[in-house]
Protein backbone atom coordinates (compact mmCIF):
# COMPACT_ATOMS: atom_id res chain seq x y z
CA MET A 1 126.56 114.46 156.42
CA ALA A 2 129.60 115.15 154.21
CA LEU A 3 128.17 112.48 151.87
CA PHE A 4 124.78 114.16 151.63
CA LEU A 5 126.08 117.60 151.41
CA SER A 6 128.52 116.72 148.58
CA PHE A 7 125.48 115.53 146.67
CA LEU A 8 123.48 118.65 147.45
CA VAL A 9 126.43 121.08 146.72
CA ALA A 10 127.24 119.40 143.36
CA MET A 11 123.59 119.45 142.31
CA PHE A 12 123.07 123.02 143.29
CA VAL A 13 126.27 124.53 141.77
CA THR A 14 125.51 122.70 138.53
CA MET A 15 122.06 124.04 138.31
CA MET A 16 123.13 127.54 139.04
CA LEU A 17 125.97 127.60 136.53
CA ILE A 18 123.90 126.08 133.55
CA PRO A 19 121.50 129.09 132.80
CA PRO A 20 124.36 131.62 132.39
CA LEU A 21 126.28 129.21 130.30
CA ILE A 22 123.34 128.82 128.04
CA ARG A 23 123.18 132.48 127.50
CA GLY A 24 126.89 132.91 126.77
CA ALA A 25 127.25 129.72 124.64
CA GLU A 26 126.45 131.25 121.33
CA ARG A 27 128.99 134.21 121.93
CA PHE A 28 131.82 131.83 122.68
CA GLN A 29 130.78 129.44 119.87
CA PHE A 30 129.97 126.40 121.86
CA VAL A 31 126.81 125.32 120.03
CA ASP A 32 125.97 122.02 118.50
CA VAL A 33 124.40 122.53 115.18
CA PRO A 34 122.12 119.89 113.36
CA GLY A 35 123.74 117.56 111.18
CA ASP A 36 123.17 114.03 109.21
CA ARG A 37 123.84 112.09 112.46
CA LYS A 38 122.16 114.51 114.76
CA VAL A 39 118.57 114.12 115.96
CA HIS A 40 118.05 117.78 117.11
CA SER A 41 116.70 120.27 114.50
CA HIS A 42 118.01 123.32 115.80
CA ALA A 43 121.31 124.65 117.28
CA ILE A 44 121.66 123.90 121.05
CA PRO A 45 124.39 125.01 123.57
CA SER A 46 127.02 122.27 124.05
CA ILE A 47 128.71 123.50 127.28
CA GLY A 48 126.96 121.89 130.01
CA GLY A 49 129.96 119.72 130.84
CA ILE A 50 131.62 122.79 132.37
CA ALA A 51 128.86 123.02 134.84
CA MET A 52 128.86 119.45 135.60
CA VAL A 53 132.77 119.21 136.34
CA VAL A 54 132.71 122.35 138.44
CA GLY A 55 129.77 121.08 140.44
CA ALA A 56 131.36 117.73 141.14
CA VAL A 57 134.86 118.96 141.80
CA LEU A 58 134.11 121.46 144.45
CA PRO A 59 132.78 118.96 146.93
CA ILE A 60 135.48 116.53 146.29
CA ILE A 61 138.31 119.06 146.97
CA TYR A 62 136.37 120.37 150.18
CA TRP A 63 135.72 116.94 151.90
CA LEU A 64 138.39 114.72 150.38
CA GLY A 65 141.43 117.09 150.56
CA PRO A 66 144.86 116.52 149.02
CA GLN A 67 145.17 112.75 148.91
CA PRO A 68 147.37 111.47 146.24
CA GLN A 69 144.57 109.47 144.59
CA VAL A 70 142.14 112.28 144.72
CA VAL A 71 144.69 114.75 143.41
CA GLY A 72 145.39 112.55 140.43
CA LEU A 73 141.83 112.09 139.61
CA LEU A 74 141.26 115.80 139.69
CA PHE A 75 144.30 116.66 137.56
CA GLY A 76 142.89 113.96 135.16
CA PHE A 77 139.41 115.39 135.22
CA ALA A 78 141.06 118.81 134.35
CA VAL A 79 142.97 117.43 131.24
CA ILE A 80 139.99 115.53 129.95
CA VAL A 81 137.71 118.29 130.15
CA VAL A 82 140.11 121.05 128.70
CA PHE A 83 140.52 118.68 125.79
CA GLY A 84 136.77 117.84 125.60
CA VAL A 85 135.69 121.55 125.69
CA TRP A 86 138.42 122.27 123.05
CA ASP A 87 136.82 119.67 120.84
CA ASP A 88 133.32 121.02 121.38
CA ARG A 89 134.44 124.49 120.07
CA SER A 90 136.84 123.42 117.35
CA ASN A 91 136.03 119.82 116.32
CA LEU A 92 139.51 118.39 117.00
CA ASP A 93 141.22 115.63 115.13
CA TYR A 94 140.55 112.26 116.83
CA ARG A 95 144.24 111.77 117.26
CA LEU A 96 144.54 114.91 119.37
CA LYS A 97 141.37 113.91 121.36
CA PHE A 98 143.21 110.58 122.17
CA LEU A 99 146.33 112.44 123.21
CA GLY A 100 144.43 114.36 125.72
CA GLN A 101 142.69 111.21 126.96
CA PHE A 102 146.04 109.52 127.17
CA ILE A 103 147.62 112.23 129.38
CA ALA A 104 144.51 112.21 131.56
CA ALA A 105 144.66 108.54 132.04
CA ALA A 106 148.55 108.50 132.59
CA ILE A 107 148.31 111.12 135.47
CA VAL A 108 145.55 108.91 137.21
CA VAL A 109 147.62 105.72 136.70
CA VAL A 110 151.14 107.00 137.49
CA TYR A 111 150.44 109.64 140.13
CA GLY A 112 147.00 108.49 141.54
CA GLY A 113 148.12 104.84 141.75
CA VAL A 114 144.86 103.71 140.13
CA ARG A 115 145.68 100.23 138.48
CA VAL A 116 144.18 97.24 137.06
CA GLU A 117 146.37 94.69 138.81
CA SER A 118 144.55 91.60 137.81
CA VAL A 119 142.00 90.51 135.15
CA PRO A 120 138.88 88.48 135.25
CA MET A 121 139.28 84.67 135.38
CA PHE A 122 142.90 85.17 136.73
CA ASP A 123 142.24 87.04 140.10
CA GLY A 124 144.97 85.14 141.84
CA ILE A 125 147.70 86.36 139.25
CA LEU A 126 149.01 89.95 139.64
CA LEU A 127 150.20 91.69 136.45
CA PRO A 128 153.63 92.84 135.85
CA GLU A 129 153.84 96.67 136.64
CA ALA A 130 154.40 97.76 132.93
CA MET A 131 151.49 95.55 131.81
CA SER A 132 149.33 96.92 134.66
CA VAL A 133 149.89 100.37 133.63
CA ALA A 134 149.29 99.80 129.96
CA LEU A 135 146.12 97.94 130.63
CA THR A 136 144.71 100.55 132.88
CA ILE A 137 145.35 103.36 130.48
CA PHE A 138 143.64 101.20 127.71
CA VAL A 139 140.51 100.57 129.76
CA LEU A 140 140.21 104.18 130.87
CA LEU A 141 140.47 105.29 127.24
CA ALA A 142 137.83 102.55 126.09
CA ILE A 143 135.39 103.53 128.84
CA THR A 144 135.69 107.21 128.13
CA ASN A 145 135.09 106.79 124.53
CA ALA A 146 132.29 104.33 125.12
CA ILE A 147 130.31 106.96 127.21
CA ASN A 148 131.24 109.73 124.68
CA LEU A 149 129.83 107.68 121.73
CA ALA A 150 126.61 106.89 123.64
CA ASP A 151 125.78 110.55 123.98
CA GLY A 152 123.44 110.74 121.07
CA LEU A 153 119.95 111.59 122.62
CA ASP A 154 118.70 114.04 125.17
CA GLY A 155 119.56 112.60 128.79
CA LEU A 156 120.98 109.43 127.45
CA ALA A 157 124.66 109.51 128.37
CA GLY A 158 123.83 111.30 131.80
CA GLY A 159 121.08 108.87 132.65
CA THR A 160 123.03 105.69 131.97
CA SER A 161 125.86 107.09 133.69
CA LEU A 162 123.87 108.09 136.70
CA LEU A 163 122.57 104.51 137.00
CA SER A 164 126.15 103.27 137.05
CA PHE A 165 127.44 105.72 139.45
CA GLY A 166 124.41 105.13 141.75
CA MET A 167 125.31 101.33 142.13
CA ILE A 168 129.04 102.11 142.43
CA SER A 169 128.14 104.33 145.34
CA VAL A 170 126.14 101.55 147.05
CA LEU A 171 128.76 98.95 146.55
CA ALA A 172 131.54 101.27 147.78
CA TYR A 173 129.41 102.11 150.78
CA ILE A 174 128.89 98.52 151.69
CA SER A 175 132.82 97.89 151.42
CA SER A 176 133.53 101.14 153.45
CA ALA A 177 135.19 102.72 150.60
CA ILE A 178 133.91 106.24 151.63
CA GLY A 179 136.12 108.13 149.42
CA ILE A 180 134.60 106.47 146.38
CA VAL A 181 131.10 106.96 147.76
CA LEU A 182 131.65 110.86 148.01
CA ILE A 183 133.30 111.10 144.70
CA ALA A 184 130.20 109.03 142.98
CA LEU A 185 127.61 111.22 144.87
CA ALA A 186 129.25 114.38 143.88
CA VAL A 187 129.12 113.32 140.22
CA ILE A 188 125.69 112.10 140.73
CA GLY A 189 124.61 115.37 142.03
CA SER A 190 126.07 117.20 139.06
CA ILE A 191 124.17 114.81 136.60
CA LEU A 192 120.86 115.42 138.24
CA GLY A 193 121.52 119.12 138.20
CA PHE A 194 122.40 118.87 134.51
CA LEU A 195 119.44 116.47 133.48
CA ARG A 196 116.68 118.94 134.33
CA PHE A 197 117.88 121.13 131.48
CA ASN A 198 118.95 118.01 129.25
CA THR A 199 115.90 115.93 129.46
CA HIS A 200 114.01 115.86 126.06
CA PRO A 201 113.66 118.31 124.75
CA ALA A 202 117.08 119.42 125.73
CA ARG A 203 117.94 123.15 126.51
CA ILE A 204 121.52 122.19 126.61
CA PHE A 205 123.97 119.42 125.73
CA MET A 206 126.92 118.24 127.93
CA GLY A 207 129.27 118.15 125.00
CA ASP A 208 132.52 116.00 124.66
CA GLY A 209 133.82 117.75 127.75
CA GLY A 210 130.97 116.39 129.80
CA SER A 211 130.58 112.98 128.30
CA GLN A 212 134.36 112.32 128.40
CA PHE A 213 134.33 113.47 132.05
CA LEU A 214 131.61 110.97 132.94
CA GLY A 215 133.11 108.12 131.18
CA PHE A 216 136.74 108.97 132.59
CA ALA A 217 135.17 109.16 136.25
CA LEU A 218 133.23 106.04 135.70
CA GLY A 219 136.10 104.12 134.46
CA ALA A 220 138.51 105.21 137.33
CA LEU A 221 135.87 104.62 140.06
CA ALA A 222 135.10 101.09 138.71
CA ILE A 223 138.64 100.18 138.73
CA MET A 224 139.08 101.50 142.29
CA LEU A 225 136.11 99.72 143.45
CA THR A 226 136.99 96.22 142.10
CA GLN A 227 140.86 96.24 142.05
CA GLY A 228 143.29 95.71 145.06
CA ILE A 229 143.55 93.13 147.95
CA ALA A 230 140.88 94.74 150.05
CA THR A 231 138.16 94.55 147.54
CA PRO A 232 135.26 92.12 148.09
CA TYR A 233 134.06 92.29 144.56
CA SER A 234 134.67 90.43 141.49
CA THR A 235 137.16 92.07 138.88
CA ALA A 236 134.52 91.21 136.23
CA LEU A 237 131.83 93.33 137.92
CA PRO A 238 132.49 96.52 135.81
CA VAL A 239 131.18 94.85 132.79
CA LEU A 240 127.60 94.87 134.42
CA LEU A 241 128.20 98.30 135.91
CA LEU A 242 129.11 99.82 132.65
CA GLY A 243 126.66 97.57 130.50
CA LEU A 244 125.20 99.03 127.52
CA PRO A 245 127.97 101.60 126.61
CA ILE A 246 130.47 98.99 126.33
CA LEU A 247 128.23 96.71 124.17
CA ASP A 248 127.19 99.64 122.12
CA THR A 249 130.77 100.67 121.26
CA ALA A 250 131.82 97.01 120.56
CA MET A 251 128.88 96.60 118.31
CA VAL A 252 129.40 99.69 116.17
CA MET A 253 133.27 99.16 115.80
CA VAL A 254 132.87 95.53 114.89
CA GLN A 255 130.18 96.57 112.29
CA ARG A 256 132.62 99.36 110.87
CA ILE A 257 135.48 97.15 110.60
CA TYR A 258 133.32 94.45 108.87
CA ALA A 259 132.19 97.04 106.30
CA GLY A 260 135.81 97.94 105.66
CA ARG A 261 135.64 101.23 107.37
CA SER A 262 137.71 102.82 110.19
CA PRO A 263 136.35 101.77 113.62
CA PHE A 264 136.40 105.65 114.47
CA SER A 265 134.26 106.78 111.62
CA PRO A 266 130.75 108.20 112.33
CA ASP A 267 127.59 106.59 111.37
CA ARG A 268 123.93 105.75 112.63
CA ASN A 269 124.40 102.29 113.97
CA HIS A 270 124.35 102.90 117.73
CA ILE A 271 121.77 101.19 119.92
CA HIS A 272 119.89 104.55 120.10
CA HIS A 273 119.78 105.04 116.45
CA ARG A 274 118.58 101.40 115.86
CA LEU A 275 115.68 102.01 118.45
CA LEU A 276 114.59 105.12 116.52
CA ALA A 277 114.87 103.14 113.26
CA ILE A 278 112.41 100.61 114.43
CA GLY A 279 109.96 103.20 115.23
CA LEU A 280 110.41 104.46 118.91
CA ASP A 281 110.23 107.89 119.51
CA HIS A 282 112.99 109.97 121.26
CA TYR A 283 111.46 109.64 124.77
CA GLU A 284 110.76 105.92 124.13
CA ALA A 285 114.32 105.07 123.10
CA VAL A 286 115.89 106.74 125.95
CA PHE A 287 113.43 105.20 128.38
CA THR A 288 114.01 101.60 126.93
CA ILE A 289 117.80 102.06 127.28
CA TYR A 290 117.47 103.24 131.04
CA VAL A 291 115.26 100.09 131.83
CA VAL A 292 117.97 97.67 130.43
CA GLN A 293 120.91 99.57 131.97
CA ALA A 294 118.96 99.69 135.36
CA MET A 295 118.41 95.78 134.91
CA LEU A 296 122.35 95.54 134.56
CA VAL A 297 123.26 97.46 137.58
CA VAL A 298 120.74 95.64 139.69
CA ALA A 299 122.27 92.53 138.43
CA ALA A 300 125.60 93.92 139.34
CA TYR A 301 124.43 94.07 142.85
CA PHE A 302 123.06 90.66 143.19
CA LEU A 303 126.00 89.06 141.46
CA ARG A 304 128.76 91.08 143.35
CA HIS A 305 130.25 88.05 145.01
CA PHE A 306 129.78 85.43 142.35
CA SER A 307 132.64 84.23 140.37
CA ASP A 308 133.97 86.09 137.21
CA GLY A 309 132.72 83.29 134.98
CA ILE A 310 129.14 83.66 136.08
CA ILE A 311 129.26 87.54 135.74
CA LEU A 312 130.79 87.23 132.34
CA ALA A 313 128.21 84.66 131.26
CA ALA A 314 125.32 86.89 132.47
CA TYR A 315 126.62 89.89 130.59
CA GLY A 316 127.26 87.66 127.51
CA LEU A 317 123.58 86.38 127.51
CA LEU A 318 122.42 90.00 127.56
CA CYS A 319 124.74 90.99 124.75
CA THR A 320 123.68 88.04 122.65
CA ALA A 321 119.83 88.90 123.25
CA VAL A 322 120.44 92.59 122.13
CA VAL A 323 122.35 91.51 119.01
CA ALA A 324 119.79 88.78 118.24
CA PHE A 325 116.89 91.25 118.52
CA PHE A 326 118.47 93.95 116.33
CA ARG A 327 119.37 91.27 113.78
CA TRP A 328 115.90 89.87 113.80
CA ALA A 329 114.50 93.46 113.54
CA HIS A 330 116.60 94.19 110.34
CA VAL A 331 115.81 90.79 108.67
CA THR A 332 112.16 90.91 109.26
CA SER A 333 111.92 94.58 108.65
CA PHE A 334 110.21 94.90 112.18
CA TYR A 335 108.74 98.39 112.52
CA LEU A 336 106.54 99.98 115.23
CA ARG A 337 105.16 102.88 113.37
CA ARG A 338 102.09 102.50 111.00
CA ALA A 339 102.24 103.80 107.28
CA HIS A 340 99.59 106.26 107.79
CA ARG A 341 100.97 107.77 110.99
CA ASP A 342 104.01 110.03 111.92
CA VAL A 343 104.20 108.76 115.41
CA SER A 344 104.75 105.41 116.91
CA PHE A 345 102.10 102.96 117.73
CA VAL A 346 102.60 103.48 121.49
CA SER A 347 102.43 107.24 121.11
CA ALA A 348 99.27 107.15 118.98
CA LYS A 349 97.50 105.19 121.78
CA MET A 350 98.78 107.78 124.22
CA LYS A 351 97.53 110.56 122.23
CA PHE A 352 94.07 108.86 121.93
CA LEU A 353 93.81 108.34 125.58
CA ARG A 354 94.97 111.90 126.37
CA HIS A 355 92.06 113.38 124.24
CA GLU A 356 90.67 116.38 126.15
CA GLY A 357 92.57 115.62 129.18
CA ARG A 358 89.83 113.39 130.70
CA LEU A 359 92.14 110.93 132.47
CA ALA A 360 94.56 113.56 133.70
CA ARG A 361 91.86 115.81 135.16
CA TRP A 362 89.98 113.12 136.90
CA SER A 363 93.44 111.76 138.23
CA ALA A 364 94.11 115.25 139.50
CA TYR A 365 90.73 115.73 141.12
CA SER A 366 91.36 112.22 142.95
CA ALA A 367 94.66 113.52 144.09
CA ALA A 368 93.30 116.76 145.36
CA VAL A 369 90.83 114.95 147.63
CA ALA A 370 93.07 112.18 148.68
CA ILE A 371 96.40 114.01 149.49
CA PRO A 372 94.90 116.92 151.70
CA ALA A 373 92.73 114.28 153.53
CA TYR A 374 95.82 112.04 154.30
CA LEU A 375 97.94 115.03 155.46
CA LEU A 376 95.19 116.30 157.69
CA LEU A 377 94.56 112.82 159.15
CA GLY A 378 98.37 112.29 159.66
CA ALA A 379 98.53 115.65 161.49
CA ALA A 380 95.71 114.70 163.80
CA CYS A 381 96.79 111.17 164.38
CA ALA A 382 100.50 111.13 164.66
CA LYS A 383 101.80 109.93 167.92
CA VAL A 384 104.04 112.77 168.83
CA VAL A 385 104.28 116.43 167.38
CA SER A 386 107.31 118.11 169.03
CA VAL A 387 107.42 121.74 170.09
CA ASP A 388 109.93 122.52 167.23
CA PHE A 389 107.47 121.07 164.65
CA GLY A 390 104.54 123.03 166.22
CA ILE A 391 106.43 126.39 166.10
CA MET A 392 107.54 125.73 162.59
CA ALA A 393 103.95 124.90 161.50
CA PHE A 394 102.71 128.17 162.95
CA LEU A 395 105.47 130.21 161.46
CA PHE A 396 104.72 128.60 157.96
CA LEU A 397 101.03 129.16 158.37
CA GLY A 398 101.77 132.97 159.32
CA LEU A 399 104.03 133.35 156.23
CA LEU A 400 101.38 131.94 153.97
CA LEU A 401 98.64 134.09 155.31
CA LEU A 402 100.83 136.93 154.82
CA VAL A 403 101.59 136.02 151.32
CA ARG A 404 97.93 135.38 150.51
CA ALA A 405 97.00 138.62 151.89
CA ARG A 406 99.35 140.48 149.50
CA LYS A 407 98.51 138.37 146.45
CA VAL A 408 95.57 138.44 144.32
CA ALA A 409 96.24 135.58 141.95
CA SER A 410 94.57 132.15 142.80
CA GLN A 411 97.47 129.94 141.57
CA PHE A 412 100.04 128.76 144.06
CA GLY A 413 103.33 130.78 144.18
CA TRP A 414 106.60 129.26 144.68
CA ILE A 415 106.60 129.93 148.51
CA GLU A 416 103.27 128.10 148.65
CA ARG A 417 104.73 125.21 146.60
CA VAL A 418 107.69 124.91 148.99
CA ALA A 419 105.28 124.96 151.97
CA PHE A 420 103.15 122.12 150.31
CA TYR A 421 106.26 119.96 149.74
CA ALA A 422 107.70 120.63 153.30
CA ILE A 423 104.43 119.74 154.96
CA SER A 424 104.03 116.61 153.02
CA ALA A 425 107.51 115.58 153.97
CA PHE A 426 106.98 116.55 157.63
CA ILE A 427 103.78 114.21 157.76
CA VAL A 428 105.64 111.35 156.17
CA PHE A 429 108.46 111.82 158.74
CA LEU A 430 105.83 111.97 161.69
CA MET A 431 104.00 108.77 160.55
CA GLN A 432 107.18 106.89 159.95
CA VAL A 433 108.41 107.53 163.58
CA GLY A 434 105.13 107.03 165.30
CA PRO A 435 101.79 106.55 163.32
CA GLY A 436 99.92 106.82 166.67
CA ALA A 437 96.13 106.09 166.10
CA LEU A 438 96.77 104.79 162.67
CA GLU A 439 99.37 102.22 164.03
CA GLY A 440 96.90 99.29 163.24
CA PHE A 441 96.25 100.49 159.66
CA ALA A 442 99.65 99.81 158.32
CA VAL A 443 98.35 97.98 155.44
CA ALA A 444 95.81 100.47 154.69
CA ARG A 445 98.37 103.19 154.55
CA ARG A 446 100.47 101.21 152.01
CA VAL A 447 97.47 100.57 149.91
CA PHE A 448 96.77 104.35 149.85
CA TYR A 449 100.21 104.88 148.54
CA VAL A 450 99.97 102.30 145.83
CA LEU A 451 96.73 103.72 144.70
CA LEU A 452 98.12 107.33 144.75
CA ALA A 453 100.94 106.10 142.68
CA VAL A 454 98.71 104.57 140.14
CA VAL A 455 96.58 107.80 140.00
CA VAL A 456 99.75 109.94 139.66
CA ILE A 457 101.05 107.78 136.92
CA ILE A 458 97.84 107.79 134.92
CA GLY A 459 97.54 111.65 135.36
CA PHE A 460 101.06 112.38 134.14
CA ARG A 461 101.05 109.80 131.31
CA PHE A 462 97.66 111.22 129.90
CA SER A 463 97.97 114.96 130.60
CA ARG A 464 97.62 117.49 127.96
CA GLU A 465 100.87 118.59 126.12
CA LYS A 466 101.23 121.86 127.96
CA THR A 467 101.08 120.54 131.43
CA PHE A 468 103.77 118.75 133.43
CA ARG A 469 104.44 115.14 132.54
CA LEU A 470 106.92 112.42 133.54
CA THR A 471 110.20 112.50 131.95
CA THR A 472 113.06 109.90 131.68
CA LEU A 473 114.72 111.90 134.65
CA ASP A 474 111.69 111.27 136.70
CA PHE A 475 112.14 107.43 135.99
CA LEU A 476 115.62 107.63 137.26
CA VAL A 477 114.63 109.31 140.44
CA ILE A 478 111.72 106.82 141.13
CA PHE A 479 113.90 103.80 140.28
CA ALA A 480 116.64 105.10 142.68
CA ALA A 481 114.09 105.80 145.32
CA PHE A 482 112.36 102.52 145.29
CA ALA A 483 115.05 100.12 144.25
CA ILE A 484 118.35 101.21 146.04
CA PRO A 485 117.13 101.61 149.56
CA ASN A 486 115.32 98.31 149.31
CA LEU A 487 118.34 96.13 148.14
CA PRO A 488 118.89 93.28 150.58
CA GLY A 489 121.97 93.22 152.53
CA LEU A 490 122.59 96.97 152.98
CA PRO A 491 124.26 97.82 156.31
CA PHE A 492 121.44 100.26 157.55
CA SER A 493 117.71 100.22 158.07
CA ALA A 494 117.17 100.47 154.31
CA PRO A 495 113.62 99.23 154.17
CA VAL A 496 112.29 101.92 156.51
CA ILE A 497 114.32 104.66 154.85
CA GLY A 498 113.31 103.35 151.24
CA GLU A 499 109.54 103.31 152.36
CA GLY A 500 109.83 106.92 153.52
CA ILE A 501 111.68 108.21 150.59
CA ALA A 502 109.21 106.36 148.15
CA LYS A 503 106.20 108.01 150.17
CA VAL A 504 107.69 111.46 149.94
CA ILE A 505 108.28 110.99 146.13
CA VAL A 506 104.58 109.85 145.45
CA LEU A 507 103.25 112.66 147.49
CA PHE A 508 105.56 115.23 145.75
CA TYR A 509 104.29 114.04 142.21
CA GLY A 510 100.86 114.03 143.43
CA ILE A 511 101.10 117.64 144.42
CA GLU A 512 102.51 118.33 141.20
CA LEU A 513 99.78 116.70 139.31
CA ILE A 514 97.18 118.83 141.32
CA LEU A 515 98.95 122.01 140.81
CA THR A 516 99.50 121.71 137.03
CA ASN A 517 96.00 120.12 136.12
CA LEU A 518 93.59 121.89 138.45
CA PRO A 519 94.39 125.71 138.39
CA ARG A 520 90.69 126.35 139.49
CA GLY A 521 91.08 123.93 142.41
CA HIS A 522 94.05 125.72 144.11
CA GLY A 523 91.78 127.65 146.65
CA ALA A 524 90.45 124.32 148.24
CA VAL A 525 93.90 122.79 148.42
CA ARG A 526 95.20 125.92 149.82
CA TYR A 527 92.60 125.98 152.73
CA ALA A 528 93.33 122.33 153.53
CA MET A 529 96.97 123.20 153.78
CA TYR A 530 96.32 126.00 156.22
CA ALA A 531 94.07 123.44 158.28
CA VAL A 532 97.10 120.92 158.33
CA LEU A 533 99.53 123.62 159.59
CA ALA A 534 96.95 124.74 162.15
CA VAL A 535 96.53 121.24 163.52
CA LEU A 536 100.22 120.55 163.72
CA GLY A 537 100.93 123.88 165.33
CA ALA A 538 98.23 123.36 168.03
CA ARG A 539 99.24 119.81 168.78
CA GLY A 540 102.93 120.76 168.91
CA VAL A 541 102.71 124.13 170.91
CA PHE A 542 99.54 123.58 173.18
């Protein structure tokens, strides 16, 4: 429960803090203005990191308490964020930025006891204390700046970090490192709360305060997870967990040095810049990086007990493939955009298929028939509906009828939306516990969800510009819901949990598809929802 609540509190606090920070950003001069290396065209608040840090730190303080390692991390977070926010406002000299990072790393290493005690390929050899301290500080600085440099597109640094923190939490849970799990989940909650405002087109940036906080936290948790006598994991595992940001930083610095420039000089040679240069749109570039990073963190899970050599070889193959691709694209002038178009080839095809919203509309009609029918069937056939569920269903029904009596508009209000989501989750739960009369139709039920998922994907992808559509954040949510609970070897009933979460998410997106694409069909869906509640109430109470 503490793990779950730490995630929820972090996400809620972050989401609550961002709107007032957006309003006050210009007054306090925390605004990122467009420039030669920037991809945004207008000034955007760059103060989101403060909300993320506050959201993540509160549950850590409450549930972990004054442990030396935790206190060291918290003080390190405080220093890194102060210098990062200072840089967002005043554009600090890079040497002063490094000073702040060095102080933060020194606190975590000396006071918190976070140490790199052995290096890959030499696991049986412990480093001398002075070398261990120096190497740990260097690693923390490197990872902090890698995430900071990768923060170039809307949702990019937050999304890639989210994938890394997610796998760290899974690996830490398996090895019973509950403190690491709680810290990782708190940071994940703060990232999710932030990404709803940062997914393209962004309303706020995390700034250096946020990106340096994520990099610093990632580095510290990766070291804590893979170092020490008790850890079951390879010391080389962080190269997969931190994947693309490490490669991106190495690539740009080598190229700058080769060109005779300072490795810290700014340019447009990062991976996201290169993807934009070959013709991908903003959304497509971020999505591509998410996919590659997701592959890396899943590889980290499956290779977690393998030797350092195999892990480093796997990472080396990926790095070689990425470098070779961009080299080939440069030599052949590979380009995805056509000369007569101002959008990429993929986007042009999507625009054609979205014409007049035909696919989106018919997808929404299909979902509007299928989802209420499935919910009504589940309410009628579930093996057991408890008295508590029955009373709750009647209370929901009474509240919705009262709201409807006081409201003239046909569109769903927020109370009705919440009820629709809640009903869907209730039905999924009831069907997972006991499908009753539908027990022998397990395959048919799975096929239903697969087909509904296809309908939802088509509906969102080809919806009109002003309606809800899938974002890169939604990719992260779907990936986490389907992939992480179904990883083999987890010490709980993961397949059942994963299947239930996946079904809830598919239904939620299907509901959103209906409500955003069929404004005239809300009445029929509303009455179907009343019927579902009435059946649940009657079965539970009577």
